[in-house]
Protein backbone atom coordinates (compact mmCIF):
# COMPACT_ATOMS: atom_id res chain seq x y z
CA MET A 1 -18.91 -57.77 -28.97
CA LYS A 2 -19.64 -54.17 -29.92
CA ILE A 3 -21.32 -52.43 -32.84
CA SER A 4 -19.61 -49.40 -34.33
CA THR A 5 -21.53 -46.83 -36.35
CA ALA A 6 -20.24 -44.46 -39.00
CA VAL A 7 -22.12 -41.79 -40.92
CA HIS A 8 -20.56 -40.76 -44.21
CA SER A 9 -20.67 -37.15 -45.34
CA PRO A 10 -22.93 -35.99 -48.18
CA VAL A 11 -21.61 -36.31 -51.72
CA ALA A 12 -22.64 -34.60 -54.94
CA LEU A 13 -24.78 -36.85 -57.11
CA SER A 14 -26.42 -36.73 -60.49
CA PRO A 15 -30.18 -37.24 -60.09
CA LEU A 16 -30.14 -40.34 -62.29
CA SER A 17 -26.86 -41.89 -61.16
CA PRO A 18 -26.59 -44.72 -58.61
CA LEU A 19 -26.74 -43.18 -55.17
CA LEU A 20 -23.49 -44.56 -53.78
CA PRO A 21 -20.51 -46.46 -55.19
CA TYR A 22 -21.52 -49.71 -53.47
CA SER A 23 -25.12 -49.57 -54.69
CA SER A 24 -26.67 -51.40 -57.59
CA SER A 25 -29.01 -49.40 -59.82
CA SER A 26 -32.09 -50.92 -58.16
CA PHE A 27 -33.16 -52.72 -55.00
CA PRO A 28 -36.22 -54.64 -53.76
CA ASN A 29 -39.02 -52.82 -52.01
CA SER A 30 -41.19 -55.28 -50.04
CA PHE A 31 -44.67 -54.47 -48.80
CA ASP A 32 -47.64 -56.10 -47.06
CA VAL A 33 -50.75 -53.92 -46.84
CA THR A 34 -54.34 -54.78 -45.91
CA PHE A 35 -57.38 -52.86 -47.20
CA PRO A 36 -60.45 -54.10 -45.27
CA ALA A 37 -63.00 -52.37 -47.54
CA ILE A 38 -61.60 -52.59 -51.11
CA PRO A 39 -62.05 -55.84 -53.11
CA CYS A 40 -58.95 -57.39 -54.67
CA THR A 41 -60.31 -57.17 -58.21
CA LEU A 42 -60.57 -53.37 -57.96
CA LEU A 43 -57.21 -52.81 -56.26
CA SER A 44 -54.14 -52.04 -58.36
CA ILE A 45 -50.58 -50.88 -57.73
CA ASP A 46 -48.60 -48.45 -59.90
CA ALA A 47 -45.01 -47.22 -59.64
CA MET A 48 -43.04 -44.41 -61.28
CA ASP A 49 -39.86 -42.41 -60.68
CA ILE A 50 -38.14 -39.22 -61.82
CA SER A 51 -36.12 -41.08 -64.46
CA GLY A 52 -39.38 -41.44 -66.40
CA GLU A 53 -39.87 -45.15 -65.74
CA GLN A 54 -43.51 -46.07 -65.17
CA HIS A 55 -45.18 -49.35 -64.30
CA LEU A 56 -48.97 -49.44 -64.27
CA ASP A 57 -51.20 -52.07 -62.71
CA ILE A 58 -48.21 -54.20 -61.64
CA LYS A 59 -48.92 -57.92 -61.36
CA HIS A 60 -45.48 -59.56 -61.27
CA ASP A 61 -44.47 -60.85 -57.81
CA ILE A 62 -47.77 -59.62 -56.32
CA ILE A 63 -50.04 -61.83 -54.20
CA LYS A 64 -53.60 -60.81 -53.34
CA LYS A 65 -55.65 -62.40 -50.57
CA ARG A 66 -59.41 -61.92 -50.44
CA ILE A 67 -60.52 -61.31 -46.84
CA ASN A 68 -63.96 -61.12 -45.27
CA ALA A 69 -65.27 -58.54 -42.81
CA HIS A 70 -63.61 -60.41 -39.93
CA GLY A 71 -60.18 -60.40 -41.60
CA ASP A 72 -60.25 -64.12 -42.43
CA VAL A 73 -58.62 -65.17 -45.70
CA ILE A 74 -61.12 -66.39 -48.31
CA GLU A 75 -58.73 -66.97 -51.21
CA SER A 76 -55.09 -66.32 -52.05
CA ARG A 77 -53.86 -66.04 -55.63
CA PRO A 78 -51.10 -64.40 -57.67
CA ASP A 79 -52.41 -61.21 -59.22
CA GLY A 80 -53.55 -61.56 -62.81
CA ILE A 81 -54.82 -65.12 -62.40
CA GLY A 82 -58.45 -65.06 -63.52
CA ALA A 83 -61.32 -67.51 -63.70
CA PRO A 84 -61.23 -70.27 -66.30
CA LYS A 85 -62.42 -69.26 -69.75
CA ILE A 86 -65.82 -70.39 -70.91
CA GLU A 87 -67.37 -70.75 -74.34
CA ARG A 88 -65.40 -70.64 -77.56
CA PRO A 89 -63.50 -67.34 -77.96
CA LEU A 90 -64.77 -64.72 -80.38
CA GLN A 91 -62.38 -64.19 -83.29
CA ARG A 92 -61.36 -60.77 -84.55
CA HIS A 93 -63.41 -61.29 -87.72
CA GLY A 94 -66.52 -61.88 -85.59
CA GLY A 95 -67.02 -65.65 -85.65
CA ARG A 96 -66.32 -68.17 -82.87
CA LEU A 97 -63.02 -70.02 -82.78
CA GLU A 98 -63.09 -73.29 -84.71
CA HIS A 99 -60.89 -76.32 -83.97
CA HIS A 100 -58.65 -75.74 -86.99
CA GLU A 101 -58.15 -72.00 -86.37
CA THR A 102 -55.56 -70.02 -84.42
CA TYR A 103 -57.14 -67.68 -81.92
CA CYS A 104 -56.78 -63.94 -82.60
CA GLY A 105 -59.16 -61.90 -80.47
CA SER A 106 -60.47 -58.48 -81.32
CA CYS A 107 -59.06 -55.36 -79.67
CA PHE A 108 -62.39 -53.62 -80.30
CA GLY A 109 -60.99 -50.78 -82.36
CA ALA A 110 -57.76 -50.30 -80.37
CA GLU A 111 -55.53 -52.30 -82.75
CA GLN A 112 -52.35 -50.49 -83.78
CA SER A 113 -51.89 -52.71 -86.82
CA ASP A 114 -53.84 -55.31 -88.78
CA ASP A 115 -51.84 -58.08 -87.11
CA ASP A 116 -52.65 -57.06 -83.51
CA CYS A 117 -54.55 -59.62 -81.43
CA CYS A 118 -56.08 -59.23 -77.97
CA ASN A 119 -56.50 -62.71 -76.51
CA SER A 120 -57.38 -61.75 -72.95
CA CYS A 121 -59.22 -59.05 -71.05
CA GLU A 122 -55.85 -57.67 -69.96
CA ASP A 123 -54.71 -57.48 -73.61
CA VAL A 124 -57.77 -55.42 -74.48
CA HIS A 125 -57.15 -53.24 -71.43
CA GLU A 126 -53.54 -52.65 -72.51
CA ALA A 127 -54.62 -51.83 -76.08
CA TYR A 128 -57.10 -49.28 -74.76
CA ARG A 129 -54.45 -47.89 -72.42
CA ARG A 130 -52.06 -47.33 -75.32
CA LYS A 131 -54.79 -45.43 -77.13
CA GLY A 132 -55.66 -43.45 -74.03
CA TRP A 133 -59.20 -44.80 -74.00
CA ALA A 134 -61.24 -45.77 -70.95
CA MET A 135 -62.96 -49.16 -70.81
CA THR A 136 -66.43 -48.24 -69.56
CA ASN A 137 -68.45 -51.09 -71.14
CA MET A 138 -66.35 -54.10 -70.24
CA ASP A 139 -69.43 -56.28 -69.96
CA LEU A 140 -69.60 -56.14 -73.77
CA ILE A 141 -66.02 -57.36 -74.24
CA ASP A 142 -65.92 -61.07 -74.99
CA GLN A 143 -62.55 -61.72 -73.33
CA CYS A 144 -63.63 -60.12 -70.05
CA LYS A 145 -66.94 -61.98 -70.03
CA ARG A 146 -65.20 -65.32 -70.55
CA GLU A 147 -62.64 -64.64 -67.82
CA GLY A 148 -65.36 -63.92 -65.28
CA PHE A 149 -64.22 -60.36 -64.56
CA PHE A 150 -67.65 -59.02 -63.67
CA GLN A 151 -68.61 -62.13 -61.78
CA ARG A 152 -65.50 -61.72 -59.61
CA ILE A 153 -66.48 -58.15 -58.79
CA LYS A 154 -69.97 -59.27 -57.79
CA ASP A 155 -68.57 -62.17 -55.75
CA GLU A 156 -66.14 -59.86 -53.91
CA ASP A 157 -68.69 -57.21 -52.98
CA GLY A 158 -68.23 -56.27 -49.31
CA GLU A 159 -64.81 -57.94 -49.08
CA GLY A 160 -61.36 -56.55 -48.38
CA CYS A 161 -57.93 -57.37 -49.72
CA ASN A 162 -54.47 -58.08 -48.41
CA ILE A 163 -51.83 -57.35 -51.03
CA HIS A 164 -48.18 -58.24 -50.55
CA GLY A 165 -45.12 -58.72 -52.69
CA SER A 166 -42.09 -56.79 -53.86
CA LEU A 167 -41.15 -54.18 -56.44
CA GLU A 168 -37.73 -53.62 -57.99
CA VAL A 169 -37.29 -49.84 -57.79
CA ASN A 170 -34.50 -47.60 -59.08
CA ARG A 171 -32.26 -45.69 -56.69
CA VAL A 172 -33.88 -42.38 -57.58
CA ALA A 173 -36.82 -40.49 -56.15
CA GLY A 174 -40.21 -41.89 -57.07
CA ASN A 175 -43.47 -43.21 -55.74
CA PHE A 176 -45.71 -46.25 -55.75
CA HIS A 177 -49.36 -46.25 -54.83
CA PHE A 178 -52.36 -48.45 -54.24
CA ALA A 179 -55.57 -47.23 -55.83
CA PRO A 180 -59.08 -48.58 -56.45
CA GLY A 181 -59.65 -49.08 -60.18
CA LYS A 182 -57.28 -49.68 -63.07
CA SER A 183 -54.94 -46.88 -64.05
CA LEU A 184 -54.23 -45.56 -67.49
CA HIS A 185 -51.86 -42.93 -68.72
CA HIS A 186 -53.25 -40.20 -70.87
CA THR A 187 -51.62 -36.86 -71.70
CA ASN A 188 -49.25 -37.23 -68.72
CA ILE A 189 -52.14 -37.40 -66.26
CA PHE A 190 -52.96 -40.57 -64.33
CA LEU A 191 -56.67 -41.22 -64.28
CA ASP A 192 -58.75 -44.02 -62.82
CA ASP A 193 -60.43 -46.25 -65.37
CA LEU A 194 -63.37 -46.75 -63.03
CA LEU A 195 -66.08 -49.03 -64.21
CA ALA A 196 -69.64 -47.81 -64.52
CA PHE A 197 -70.83 -49.88 -61.57
CA GLN A 198 -68.07 -48.79 -59.20
CA LYS A 199 -68.72 -46.51 -56.25
CA ASP A 200 -68.15 -42.76 -56.33
CA SER A 201 -66.12 -42.95 -53.14
CA TYR A 202 -63.87 -45.51 -51.48
CA ASN A 203 -62.98 -46.41 -47.96
CA ILE A 204 -59.18 -46.39 -48.03
CA SER A 205 -58.71 -47.58 -44.46
CA HIS A 206 -55.56 -49.64 -44.40
CA ARG A 207 -53.02 -51.38 -42.23
CA ILE A 208 -49.35 -51.63 -43.19
CA ASN A 209 -48.24 -55.02 -41.93
CA GLY A 210 -44.74 -54.49 -43.27
CA LEU A 211 -42.79 -52.11 -45.51
CA SER A 212 -39.05 -52.34 -46.12
CA PHE A 213 -36.51 -51.00 -48.59
CA GLY A 214 -33.89 -53.71 -48.97
CA GLU A 215 -32.74 -56.76 -47.05
CA TYR A 216 -33.31 -57.34 -43.35
CA PHE A 217 -30.38 -56.92 -40.97
CA PRO A 218 -30.26 -57.25 -37.15
CA GLY A 219 -31.51 -54.16 -35.36
CA VAL A 220 -33.31 -52.59 -38.30
CA VAL A 221 -36.51 -50.73 -37.40
CA ASN A 222 -39.11 -50.04 -40.09
CA PRO A 223 -41.30 -47.26 -38.67
CA LEU A 224 -44.36 -48.11 -40.79
CA ASP A 225 -44.57 -51.76 -39.71
CA GLY A 226 -47.92 -52.14 -37.98
CA ALA A 227 -49.14 -48.64 -38.88
CA GLN A 228 -52.91 -48.36 -39.30
CA TRP A 229 -55.26 -45.64 -40.50
CA ILE A 230 -59.06 -45.73 -40.25
CA HIS A 231 -61.04 -43.93 -42.95
CA GLU A 232 -63.36 -41.26 -41.53
CA THR A 233 -64.38 -39.16 -44.56
CA SER A 234 -66.22 -40.06 -47.76
CA ASN A 235 -63.10 -40.01 -49.94
CA GLY A 236 -59.44 -39.25 -49.50
CA MET A 237 -55.81 -39.60 -50.46
CA TYR A 238 -53.36 -40.81 -47.83
CA GLN A 239 -49.72 -39.91 -48.46
CA TYR A 240 -46.50 -41.16 -46.89
CA PHE A 241 -43.32 -39.18 -47.52
CA ILE A 242 -40.32 -41.44 -46.98
CA LYS A 243 -36.63 -40.55 -46.68
CA VAL A 244 -34.51 -43.61 -47.44
CA VAL A 245 -31.02 -43.84 -45.90
CA PRO A 246 -28.62 -46.36 -47.51
CA THR A 247 -27.12 -48.62 -44.87
CA ILE A 248 -24.27 -51.15 -44.78
CA TYR A 249 -24.30 -53.76 -42.03
CA THR A 250 -21.31 -56.06 -41.41
CA ASP A 251 -21.73 -58.86 -38.89
CA ILE A 252 -19.11 -60.47 -36.66
CA ARG A 253 -18.25 -63.04 -39.37
CA GLY A 254 -17.62 -60.37 -41.98
CA ARG A 255 -20.85 -60.92 -43.93
CA THR A 256 -22.01 -57.62 -45.41
CA VAL A 257 -25.63 -56.63 -46.02
CA HIS A 258 -26.37 -53.64 -48.27
CA SER A 259 -29.79 -52.38 -47.24
CA ASN A 260 -31.71 -49.23 -46.29
CA GLN A 261 -33.41 -47.60 -43.35
CA TYR A 262 -36.06 -44.91 -43.62
CA SER A 263 -37.96 -42.21 -41.80
CA VAL A 264 -41.48 -41.12 -42.68
CA THR A 265 -44.04 -38.32 -42.39
CA LYS A 266 -47.76 -38.69 -43.17
CA HIS A 267 -50.41 -36.50 -44.72
CA PHE A 268 -54.10 -36.94 -45.54
CA LYS A 269 -56.00 -35.04 -48.24
CA ASN A 270 -59.76 -34.90 -48.25
CA LEU A 271 -60.71 -35.10 -51.93
CA GLU A 272 -63.87 -33.07 -51.34
CA PHE A 273 -61.79 -29.89 -50.99
CA ILE A 274 -59.01 -30.36 -53.57
CA HIS A 275 -58.64 -30.71 -57.34
CA PRO A 276 -61.51 -32.68 -58.90
CA ASN A 277 -59.06 -34.81 -60.97
CA SER A 278 -57.48 -36.18 -57.81
CA HIS A 279 -58.34 -39.77 -56.99
CA PRO A 280 -58.42 -41.83 -53.81
CA GLY A 281 -55.58 -44.11 -52.85
CA VAL A 282 -52.59 -44.68 -50.62
CA PHE A 283 -49.40 -43.10 -51.96
CA PHE A 284 -45.80 -43.72 -50.90
CA PHE A 285 -43.39 -40.99 -52.07
CA TYR A 286 -39.75 -41.87 -51.45
CA ASP A 287 -36.49 -40.00 -51.85
CA PHE A 288 -32.90 -40.89 -50.95
CA SER A 289 -30.62 -39.27 -48.42
CA PRO A 290 -27.17 -38.32 -49.79
CA ILE A 291 -25.50 -39.99 -46.79
CA LYS A 292 -25.03 -43.60 -45.80
CA VAL A 293 -24.80 -45.27 -42.42
CA THR A 294 -22.40 -48.13 -41.65
CA PHE A 295 -22.92 -50.62 -38.81
CA LYS A 296 -20.11 -53.04 -37.98
CA GLU A 297 -19.97 -55.77 -35.36
CA GLU A 298 -16.51 -56.15 -33.78
CA HIS A 299 -14.88 -58.34 -31.13
CA ILE A 300 -13.68 -56.53 -28.03
CA SER A 301 -9.88 -56.88 -27.76
CA PHE A 302 -8.40 -58.79 -24.80
CA LEU A 303 -6.61 -55.66 -23.57
CA HIS A 304 -9.87 -53.71 -23.69
CA PHE A 305 -11.57 -56.54 -21.77
CA ILE A 306 -8.88 -56.50 -19.06
CA THR A 307 -9.17 -52.70 -18.82
CA ASN A 308 -12.92 -53.00 -18.29
CA ILE A 309 -12.43 -55.67 -15.60
CA CYS A 310 -9.89 -53.51 -13.82
CA ALA A 311 -12.25 -50.54 -13.98
CA VAL A 312 -15.04 -52.62 -12.44
CA ILE A 313 -12.77 -53.94 -9.69
CA GLY A 314 -11.41 -50.44 -9.01
CA GLY A 315 -14.96 -49.12 -8.78
CA ILE A 316 -15.90 -51.84 -6.28
CA PHE A 317 -12.88 -51.05 -4.08
CA THR A 318 -13.61 -47.32 -4.27
CA VAL A 319 -17.24 -47.74 -3.19
CA ALA A 320 -16.21 -50.24 -0.48
CA GLY A 321 -13.61 -47.75 0.79
CA ILE A 322 -16.18 -44.96 0.98
CA ILE A 323 -18.61 -47.16 2.89
CA ASP A 324 -15.84 -48.39 5.24
CA SER A 325 -14.66 -44.82 5.90
CA PHE A 326 -18.22 -43.68 6.63
CA ILE A 327 -18.80 -46.53 9.08
CA TYR A 328 -15.37 -46.09 10.75
CA HIS A 329 -15.69 -42.33 11.30
CA GLY A 330 -19.32 -42.72 12.42
CA GLN A 331 -18.34 -45.26 15.05
CA ARG A 332 -15.49 -43.05 16.32
CA LYS A 333 -17.78 -40.07 16.76
CA MET A 334 -20.37 -42.17 18.58
CA LYS A 335 -17.66 -43.60 20.84
CA LYS A 336 -16.34 -40.13 21.77
CA LYS A 337 -19.81 -38.89 22.59
CA MET A 338 -20.42 -41.89 24.80
CA GLU A 339 -17.15 -41.25 26.66
CA ILE A 340 -18.06 -37.68 27.51
CA GLY A 341 -21.70 -38.63 28.27
CA LYS A 342 -23.30 -36.69 25.46
CA PHE A 343 -24.66 -39.67 23.54
CA ARG A 344 -28.17 -40.63 24.69
């Protein structure tokens, strides 16, 4: 069996078009990253690309594991699953929910219409995000108090977090990043909605247990698997610049896998010496190569097999002939010297 490789030449592409004819418009990006010094409650993931698509504080298909200082798992839960609610919810009009009423929670001034309801802490957060407001007094918000948001932060003090899952990203340049605090979008600038009791700096030490762009195929090497960086300064932004190469792999049975490989460069920014609006986090910036690589497993033909066998046999006879000739001529010379008495 042999594997043939082909690299296809660059082609002209529109920035927002699918990269190659075989490609779908999006593909899964799987990740598994451990932050030993950032609690799960304060860790969020955002994604955006040059087509203008933005996803903030992503929770779908994300699993967070609370870990202690020794790296042992304390708890594993899908992101967005909070503590059970306590007390009767506070209605928008100010009273507590009665048995005969339908719950409609207050958005605390962020309602866009008279019919808007915020029934969870996340709903209030989203309403504030749409307004471009920061939630700095969340301990006064009934929904957050009932869901145990602040209690979770206190319980997770000194812990770390392993976050893993997958994102469906478009086949255009973009980035996704992990950052402490919840993000909001305001006047085209991404800020951190950091709570009043949060730290001024964060230890963004991290280990990338796995990062892939697409399905696994035999022989694929993901250069960031197992990569680790230890935080040494008070605050910083760690950046990975990734070049994604579309790849087609066809096995011996004809099964085809459309996937990607990538190369990467790294850069660290110390936030003490750059723009004050910059915020700590781990950022992955990716772009696509205008070429694709094709791997194909093939059977070696019988004729090719016979040719290889003949070449091996011919090589053996050639080497044996050289050795035989060396021994034969060496013996003859020694014999002649012995006959004339010169060999001692």
